[in-house]
Amino acid sequence: MTEEKATLLLIKGTIADLPPADREGVELAAAKLREVIAAHNDHGLMAFALVGAELQMEG
């Protein structure tokens, strides 16, 4: 199993363990992020990467 797949499974498992309202909130936010990325193609993906890196720095 790749490191990326292991990370994805860990995140999905963490989300699955959330209370239903929190799980629905995460799923809604993820859907909205996917819409923004799709609407802006490469720019959306780069913006997502930028925000992710900024959040890691704040972390």
N, C-alpha and C. Protein backbone atom coordinates (compact mmCIF):
# COMPACT_ATOMS: atom_id res chain seq x y z
N MET A 1 0.85 -1.17 0.00
CA MET A 1 0.00 0.00 0.00
C MET A 1 0.90 1.23 0.00
N THR A 2 0.52 2.19 -0.84
CA THR A 2 1.33 3.42 -0.90
C THR A 2 1.05 4.29 0.32
N GLU A 3 1.98 5.20 0.57
CA GLU A 3 1.80 6.14 1.68
C GLU A 3 0.56 7.01 1.45
N GLU A 4 0.32 7.38 0.20
CA GLU A 4 -0.84 8.21 -0.12
C GLU A 4 -2.14 7.48 0.18
N LYS A 5 -2.20 6.20 -0.19
CA LYS A 5 -3.41 5.41 0.06
C LYS A 5 -3.62 5.23 1.57
N ALA A 6 -2.54 4.99 2.30
CA ALA A 6 -2.64 4.83 3.75
C ALA A 6 -3.15 6.11 4.40
N THR A 7 -2.66 7.25 3.93
CA THR A 7 -3.12 8.54 4.46
C THR A 7 -4.59 8.74 4.17
N LEU A 8 -5.01 8.44 2.93
CA LEU A 8 -6.42 8.59 2.56
C LEU A 8 -7.30 7.70 3.44
N LEU A 9 -6.90 6.45 3.65
CA LEU A 9 -7.69 5.55 4.47
C LEU A 9 -7.76 6.02 5.92
N LEU A 10 -6.66 6.57 6.43
CA LEU A 10 -6.65 7.10 7.79
C LEU A 10 -7.62 8.27 7.92
N ILE A 11 -7.60 9.17 6.96
CA ILE A 11 -8.50 10.33 6.99
C ILE A 11 -9.95 9.88 6.87
N LYS A 12 -10.22 8.97 5.94
CA LYS A 12 -11.60 8.46 5.78
C LYS A 12 -12.08 7.77 7.04
N GLY A 13 -11.20 7.03 7.70
CA GLY A 13 -11.57 6.37 8.95
C GLY A 13 -11.87 7.37 10.05
N THR A 14 -11.07 8.43 10.13
CA THR A 14 -11.31 9.47 11.12
C THR A 14 -12.66 10.13 10.89
N ILE A 15 -12.96 10.42 9.63
CA ILE A 15 -14.25 11.04 9.29
C ILE A 15 -15.40 10.09 9.61
N ALA A 16 -15.23 8.81 9.31
CA ALA A 16 -16.27 7.82 9.58
C ALA A 16 -16.59 7.71 11.07
N ASP A 17 -15.61 8.00 11.92
CA ASP A 17 -15.81 7.93 13.37
C ASP A 17 -16.48 9.17 13.96
N LEU A 18 -16.65 10.21 13.16
CA LEU A 18 -17.29 11.43 13.64
C LEU A 18 -18.79 11.21 13.85
N PRO A 19 -19.40 12.03 14.70
CA PRO A 19 -20.86 12.00 14.81
C PRO A 19 -21.48 12.34 13.45
N PRO A 20 -22.68 11.85 13.18
CA PRO A 20 -23.29 12.06 11.86
C PRO A 20 -23.32 13.52 11.40
N ALA A 21 -23.64 14.44 12.25
CA ALA A 21 -23.72 15.86 11.85
C ALA A 21 -22.35 16.37 11.42
N ASP A 22 -21.31 15.99 12.14
CA ASP A 22 -19.96 16.41 11.78
C ASP A 22 -19.53 15.74 10.47
N ARG A 23 -19.84 14.46 10.32
CA ARG A 23 -19.50 13.75 9.09
C ARG A 23 -20.17 14.40 7.89
N GLU A 24 -21.45 14.76 8.02
CA GLU A 24 -22.16 15.43 6.94
C GLU A 24 -21.54 16.78 6.63
N GLY A 25 -21.10 17.50 7.67
CA GLY A 25 -20.45 18.79 7.46
C GLY A 25 -19.15 18.66 6.69
N VAL A 26 -18.37 17.65 7.02
CA VAL A 26 -17.10 17.40 6.31
C VAL A 26 -17.39 17.03 4.86
N GLU A 27 -18.37 16.16 4.64
CA GLU A 27 -18.71 15.74 3.28
C GLU A 27 -19.20 16.92 2.44
N LEU A 28 -19.99 17.81 3.03
CA LEU A 28 -20.47 18.99 2.32
C LEU A 28 -19.31 19.92 1.97
N ALA A 29 -18.42 20.15 2.93
CA ALA A 29 -17.26 21.01 2.67
C ALA A 29 -16.38 20.41 1.58
N ALA A 30 -16.17 19.10 1.61
CA ALA A 30 -15.35 18.44 0.59
C ALA A 30 -16.00 18.57 -0.79
N ALA A 31 -17.31 18.44 -0.85
CA ALA A 31 -18.02 18.59 -2.13
C ALA A 31 -17.85 20.00 -2.67
N LYS A 32 -17.95 20.99 -1.79
CA LYS A 32 -17.79 22.38 -2.23
C LYS A 32 -16.36 22.64 -2.71
N LEU A 33 -15.37 22.09 -2.01
CA LEU A 33 -13.99 22.24 -2.46
C LEU A 33 -13.79 21.61 -3.83
N ARG A 34 -14.37 20.44 -4.03
CA ARG A 34 -14.25 19.78 -5.33
C ARG A 34 -14.89 20.62 -6.43
N GLU A 35 -16.02 21.27 -6.12
CA GLU A 35 -16.69 22.14 -7.10
C GLU A 35 -15.81 23.32 -7.48
N VAL A 36 -15.19 23.95 -6.50
CA VAL A 36 -14.32 25.09 -6.77
C VAL A 36 -13.12 24.65 -7.62
N ILE A 37 -12.53 23.53 -7.25
CA ILE A 37 -11.38 23.02 -8.02
C ILE A 37 -11.80 22.73 -9.45
N ALA A 38 -12.94 22.07 -9.62
CA ALA A 38 -13.41 21.73 -10.97
C ALA A 38 -13.74 22.98 -11.78
N ALA A 39 -14.32 23.99 -11.14
CA ALA A 39 -14.73 25.21 -11.84
C ALA A 39 -13.53 26.02 -12.32
N HIS A 40 -12.40 25.87 -11.63
CA HIS A 40 -11.23 26.68 -11.96
C HIS A 40 -10.07 25.85 -12.51
N ASN A 41 -10.31 24.58 -12.77
CA ASN A 41 -9.32 23.69 -13.37
C ASN A 41 -7.97 23.79 -12.67
N ASP A 42 -6.91 23.99 -13.43
CA ASP A 42 -5.57 24.02 -12.84
C ASP A 42 -5.42 25.14 -11.81
N HIS A 43 -6.09 26.27 -12.05
CA HIS A 43 -6.00 27.37 -11.08
C HIS A 43 -6.63 26.95 -9.75
N GLY A 44 -7.74 26.24 -9.83
CA GLY A 44 -8.39 25.77 -8.61
C GLY A 44 -7.52 24.80 -7.84
N LEU A 45 -6.86 23.91 -8.56
CA LEU A 45 -5.99 22.94 -7.91
C LEU A 45 -4.78 23.63 -7.28
N MET A 46 -4.21 24.60 -7.97
CA MET A 46 -3.07 25.33 -7.40
C MET A 46 -3.50 26.15 -6.18
N ALA A 47 -4.69 26.74 -6.24
CA ALA A 47 -5.20 27.51 -5.11
C ALA A 47 -5.42 26.59 -3.91
N PHE A 48 -5.94 25.39 -4.16
CA PHE A 48 -6.14 24.41 -3.09
C PHE A 48 -4.80 24.04 -2.46
N ALA A 49 -3.79 23.80 -3.29
CA ALA A 49 -2.46 23.47 -2.78
C ALA A 49 -1.88 24.63 -1.97
N LEU A 50 -2.09 25.84 -2.46
CA LEU A 50 -1.61 27.03 -1.75
C LEU A 50 -2.23 27.13 -0.36
N VAL A 51 -3.53 27.01 -0.30
CA VAL A 51 -4.23 27.13 0.99
C VAL A 51 -3.81 25.99 1.92
N GLY A 52 -3.66 24.77 1.38
CA GLY A 52 -3.19 23.66 2.20
C GLY A 52 -1.82 23.91 2.79
N ALA A 53 -0.91 24.44 1.98
CA ALA A 53 0.43 24.75 2.47
C ALA A 53 0.39 25.87 3.51
N GLU A 54 -0.46 26.86 3.29
CA GLU A 54 -0.59 27.93 4.29
C GLU A 54 -1.11 27.40 5.61
N LEU A 55 -2.07 26.48 5.55
CA LEU A 55 -2.61 25.91 6.78
C LEU A 55 -1.57 25.06 7.50
N GLN A 56 -0.73 24.36 6.74
CA GLN A 56 0.34 23.59 7.37
C GLN A 56 1.31 24.50 8.10
N MET A 57 1.59 25.65 7.53
CA MET A 57 2.51 26.60 8.17
C MET A 57 1.92 27.14 9.47
N GLU A 58 0.60 27.32 9.49
CA GLU A 58 -0.06 27.82 10.70
C GLU A 58 -0.12 26.74 11.77
N GLY A 59 -0.15 25.48 11.31
CA GLY A 59 -0.36 24.31 12.09
C GLY A 59 0.20 24.13 13.41
